Amino acid sequence: MIRGIRGATTVDSDKEELVIEATLSLLEEMIEKNSIDADDTASVFISTTDDIRSVFPAKALRKIEGWQYVPVMCMQEIPVKDALPGCVRVMVHVNTGKKQKDIQHVYHHEAVKLRPDLAMIRKENH
């Protein structure tokens, strides 16, 4: 079964090192919390809001040992009015035997506002 694992983070400004650092931290936590193996990963989609233009956040994935051959694509989010600024969103498509309810989606910084319902579910289950 292929499942999608979501994650998002934000940066305070569009600086390459900040975008890479925030994206790397997010990806590492998503991989750890969901025990993702690169060989079980079909693809990774990374999107940014239109105010991030300094770097392709996919460069962060290439810093993780063993992830060099996983297909990754960057794209821009649709410019929705009042959208969360400085946002990087990630979708990892992974082959897993886990049930949907056992997938741990990860949200950092201001991005926790995107899915407060998931934050509440995690608190209730721990």
C-alpha atoms as a PDB file:
ATOM      1  CA  MET A   1       0.000   0.000   0.000  1.00  0.00           C
ATOM      2  CA  ILE A   2       1.293   3.460  -0.845  1.00  0.00           C
ATOM      3  CA  ARG A   3       0.456   6.064   1.793  1.00  0.00           C
ATOM      4  CA  GLY A   4       1.029   9.791   1.815  1.00  0.00           C
ATOM      5  CA  ILE A   5       2.832  11.297   4.756  1.00  0.00           C
ATOM      6  CA  ARG A   6       2.380  15.036   5.151  1.00  0.00           C
ATOM      7  CA  GLY A   7       4.552  17.630   6.730  1.00  0.00           C
ATOM      8  CA  ALA A   8       4.953  21.398   6.698  1.00  0.00           C
ATOM      9  CA  THR A   9       7.169  24.057   8.168  1.00  0.00           C
ATOM     10  CA  THR A  10       7.693  27.791   7.888  1.00  0.00           C
ATOM     11  CA  VAL A  11      10.628  30.165   7.598  1.00  0.00           C
ATOM     12  CA  ASP A  12      10.828  33.767   8.747  1.00  0.00           C
ATOM     13  CA  SER A  13      12.614  34.913   5.607  1.00  0.00           C
ATOM     14  CA  ASP A  14      13.521  33.592   2.185  1.00  0.00           C
ATOM     15  CA  LYS A  15      17.174  32.793   2.738  1.00  0.00           C
ATOM     16  CA  GLU A  16      18.632  29.625   1.234  1.00  0.00           C
ATOM     17  CA  GLU A  17      20.193  28.393   4.472  1.00  0.00           C
ATOM     18  CA  LEU A  18      16.950  28.922   6.423  1.00  0.00           C
ATOM     19  CA  VAL A  19      14.832  27.104   3.839  1.00  0.00           C
ATOM     20  CA  ILE A  20      17.246  24.160   3.651  1.00  0.00           C
ATOM     21  CA  GLU A  21      17.620  23.948   7.438  1.00  0.00           C
ATOM     22  CA  ALA A  22      13.860  24.033   8.082  1.00  0.00           C
ATOM     23  CA  THR A  23      13.118  21.528   5.318  1.00  0.00           C
ATOM     24  CA  LEU A  24      15.868  19.167   6.447  1.00  0.00           C
ATOM     25  CA  SER A  25      14.637  19.232  10.046  1.00  0.00           C
ATOM     26  CA  LEU A  26      11.095  18.506   8.882  1.00  0.00           C
ATOM     27  CA  LEU A  27      12.131  15.646   6.582  1.00  0.00           C
ATOM     28  CA  GLU A  28      14.342  14.034   9.223  1.00  0.00           C
ATOM     29  CA  GLU A  29      11.497  14.027  11.742  1.00  0.00           C
ATOM     30  CA  MET A  30       9.006  12.672   9.199  1.00  0.00           C
ATOM     31  CA  ILE A  31      11.437   9.862   8.316  1.00  0.00           C
ATOM     32  CA  GLU A  32      12.165   9.044  11.958  1.00  0.00           C
ATOM     33  CA  LYS A  33       8.586   9.141  13.269  1.00  0.00           C
ATOM     34  CA  ASN A  34       7.306   6.960  10.439  1.00  0.00           C
ATOM     35  CA  SER A  35      10.340   4.649  10.110  1.00  0.00           C
ATOM     36  CA  ILE A  36      10.617   5.488   6.413  1.00  0.00           C
ATOM     37  CA  ASP A  37      13.251   3.725   4.345  1.00  0.00           C
ATOM     38  CA  ALA A  38      14.355   5.444   1.145  1.00  0.00           C
ATOM     39  CA  ASP A  39      13.983   2.152  -0.759  1.00  0.00           C
ATOM     40  CA  ASP A  40      10.285   2.033   0.225  1.00  0.00           C
ATOM     41  CA  THR A  41       9.669   5.595  -0.947  1.00  0.00           C
ATOM     42  CA  ALA A  42       7.979   6.095  -4.317  1.00  0.00           C
ATOM     43  CA  SER A  43       8.408   9.873  -4.499  1.00  0.00           C
ATOM     44  CA  VAL A  44       8.478  13.137  -2.580  1.00  0.00           C
ATOM     45  CA  PHE A  45       6.596  16.308  -3.525  1.00  0.00           C
ATOM     46  CA  ILE A  46       7.676  19.595  -1.953  1.00  0.00           C
ATOM     47  CA  SER A  47       5.758  22.816  -2.438  1.00  0.00           C
ATOM     48  CA  THR A  48       6.383  26.360  -1.282  1.00  0.00           C
ATOM     49  CA  THR A  49       4.372  29.508  -1.038  1.00  0.00           C
ATOM     50  CA  ASP A  50       5.220  32.069  -3.718  1.00  0.00           C
ATOM     51  CA  ASP A  51       7.391  34.091  -1.320  1.00  0.00           C
ATOM     52  CA  ILE A  52      10.068  31.361  -1.259  1.00  0.00           C
ATOM     53  CA  ARG A  53      12.314  31.650  -4.302  1.00  0.00           C
ATOM     54  CA  SER A  54      15.877  31.420  -2.984  1.00  0.00           C
ATOM     55  CA  VAL A  55      16.339  27.660  -3.354  1.00  0.00           C
ATOM     56  CA  PHE A  56      14.668  24.386  -4.275  1.00  0.00           C
ATOM     57  CA  PRO A  57      13.877  22.848  -0.862  1.00  0.00           C
ATOM     58  CA  ALA A  58      14.519  19.418  -2.433  1.00  0.00           C
ATOM     59  CA  LYS A  59      18.224  20.135  -1.873  1.00  0.00           C
ATOM     60  CA  ALA A  60      17.558  19.293   1.785  1.00  0.00           C
ATOM     61  CA  LEU A  61      16.512  15.737   0.932  1.00  0.00           C
ATOM     62  CA  ARG A  62      19.795  15.148  -0.877  1.00  0.00           C
ATOM     63  CA  LYS A  63      21.649  15.820   2.364  1.00  0.00           C
ATOM     64  CA  ILE A  64      20.122  12.705   3.949  1.00  0.00           C
ATOM     65  CA  GLU A  65      22.173   9.537   3.559  1.00  0.00           C
ATOM     66  CA  GLY A  66      20.559   7.049   1.178  1.00  0.00           C
ATOM     67  CA  TRP A  67      17.981   9.422  -0.306  1.00  0.00           C
ATOM     68  CA  GLN A  68      19.973  10.431  -3.406  1.00  0.00           C
ATOM     69  CA  TYR A  69      17.907   8.288  -5.803  1.00  0.00           C
ATOM     70  CA  VAL A  70      14.403   9.026  -4.494  1.00  0.00           C
ATOM     71  CA  PRO A  71      12.442  11.066  -7.072  1.00  0.00           C
ATOM     72  CA  VAL A  72      11.616  14.503  -5.680  1.00  0.00           C
ATOM     73  CA  MET A  73       9.787  17.428  -7.248  1.00  0.00           C
ATOM     74  CA  CYS A  74       9.382  21.019  -6.105  1.00  0.00           C
ATOM     75  CA  MET A  75       6.393  23.140  -7.023  1.00  0.00           C
ATOM     76  CA  GLN A  76       4.686  26.342  -6.007  1.00  0.00           C
ATOM     77  CA  GLU A  77       1.458  26.436  -4.000  1.00  0.00           C
ATOM     78  CA  ILE A  78      -1.529  28.204  -5.489  1.00  0.00           C
ATOM     79  CA  PRO A  79      -1.557  31.806  -4.215  1.00  0.00           C
ATOM     80  CA  VAL A  80      -4.579  31.665  -1.913  1.00  0.00           C
ATOM     81  CA  LYS A  81      -5.497  34.933  -0.197  1.00  0.00           C
ATOM     82  CA  ASP A  82      -4.332  35.020   3.448  1.00  0.00           C
ATOM     83  CA  ALA A  83      -2.364  31.775   3.084  1.00  0.00           C
ATOM     84  CA  LEU A  84       0.336  31.042   5.636  1.00  0.00           C
ATOM     85  CA  PRO A  85       3.478  32.839   4.377  1.00  0.00           C
ATOM     86  CA  GLY A  86       6.937  31.317   4.156  1.00  0.00           C
ATOM     87  CA  CYS A  87       5.541  27.807   4.083  1.00  0.00           C
ATOM     88  CA  VAL A  88       7.195  24.623   2.809  1.00  0.00           C
ATOM     89  CA  ARG A  89       4.887  21.610   2.482  1.00  0.00           C
ATOM     90  CA  VAL A  90       6.040  18.025   1.961  1.00  0.00           C
ATOM     91  CA  MET A  91       4.232  14.888   0.782  1.00  0.00           C
ATOM     92  CA  VAL A  92       6.173  11.619   0.969  1.00  0.00           C
ATOM     93  CA  HIS A  93       4.649   8.667  -0.913  1.00  0.00           C
ATOM     94  CA  VAL A  94       5.808   5.517   0.848  1.00  0.00           C
ATOM     95  CA  ASN A  95       5.089   1.802   0.604  1.00  0.00           C
ATOM     96  CA  THR A  96       3.996   0.755   4.081  1.00  0.00           C
ATOM     97  CA  GLY A  97       1.826  -1.700   5.934  1.00  0.00           C
ATOM     98  CA  LYS A  98       0.750   1.009   8.388  1.00  0.00           C
ATOM     99  CA  LYS A  99      -2.893   2.024   8.679  1.00  0.00           C
ATOM    100  CA  GLN A 100      -3.813   5.655   7.910  1.00  0.00           C
ATOM    101  CA  LYS A 101      -4.394   6.340  11.608  1.00  0.00           C
ATOM    102  CA  ASP A 102      -0.857   5.184  12.416  1.00  0.00           C
ATOM    103  CA  ILE A 103       0.852   7.598  10.031  1.00  0.00           C
ATOM    104  CA  GLN A 104       2.450  10.506  11.888  1.00  0.00           C
ATOM    105  CA  HIS A 105       2.195  13.741   9.941  1.00  0.00           C
ATOM    106  CA  VAL A 106       4.631  16.407  11.122  1.00  0.00           C
ATOM    107  CA  TYR A 107       4.141  20.164  11.372  1.00  0.00           C
ATOM    108  CA  HIS A 108       6.795  22.622  12.560  1.00  0.00           C
ATOM    109  CA  HIS A 109       6.722  26.295  13.545  1.00  0.00           C
ATOM    110  CA  GLU A 110       3.731  28.281  12.264  1.00  0.00           C
ATOM    111  CA  ALA A 111       2.650  25.348  10.083  1.00  0.00           C
ATOM    112  CA  VAL A 112       1.002  23.698  13.104  1.00  0.00           C
ATOM    113  CA  LYS A 113      -1.876  26.066  12.309  1.00  0.00           C
ATOM    114  CA  LEU A 114      -2.532  24.109   9.110  1.00  0.00           C
ATOM    115  CA  ARG A 115      -3.711  20.966  10.916  1.00  0.00           C
ATOM    116  CA  PRO A 116      -4.565  21.712  14.550  1.00  0.00           C
ATOM    117  CA  ASP A 117      -6.839  18.667  14.495  1.00  0.00           C
ATOM    118  CA  LEU A 118      -3.809  16.381  14.077  1.00  0.00           C
ATOM    119  CA  ALA A 119      -2.017  18.064  16.960  1.00  0.00           C
ATOM    120  CA  MET A 120      -5.009  17.339  19.204  1.00  0.00           C
ATOM    121  CA  ILE A 121      -5.217  13.697  18.089  1.00  0.00           C
ATOM    122  CA  ARG A 122      -1.502  13.174  18.864  1.00  0.00           C
ATOM    123  CA  LYS A 123      -1.912  14.693  22.345  1.00  0.00           C
ATOM    124  CA  GLU A 124      -4.901  12.429  23.070  1.00  0.00           C
ATOM    125  CA  ASN A 125      -3.004   9.300  21.990  1.00  0.00           C
ATOM    126  CA  HIS A 126       0.081  10.009  24.131  1.00  0.00           C
END
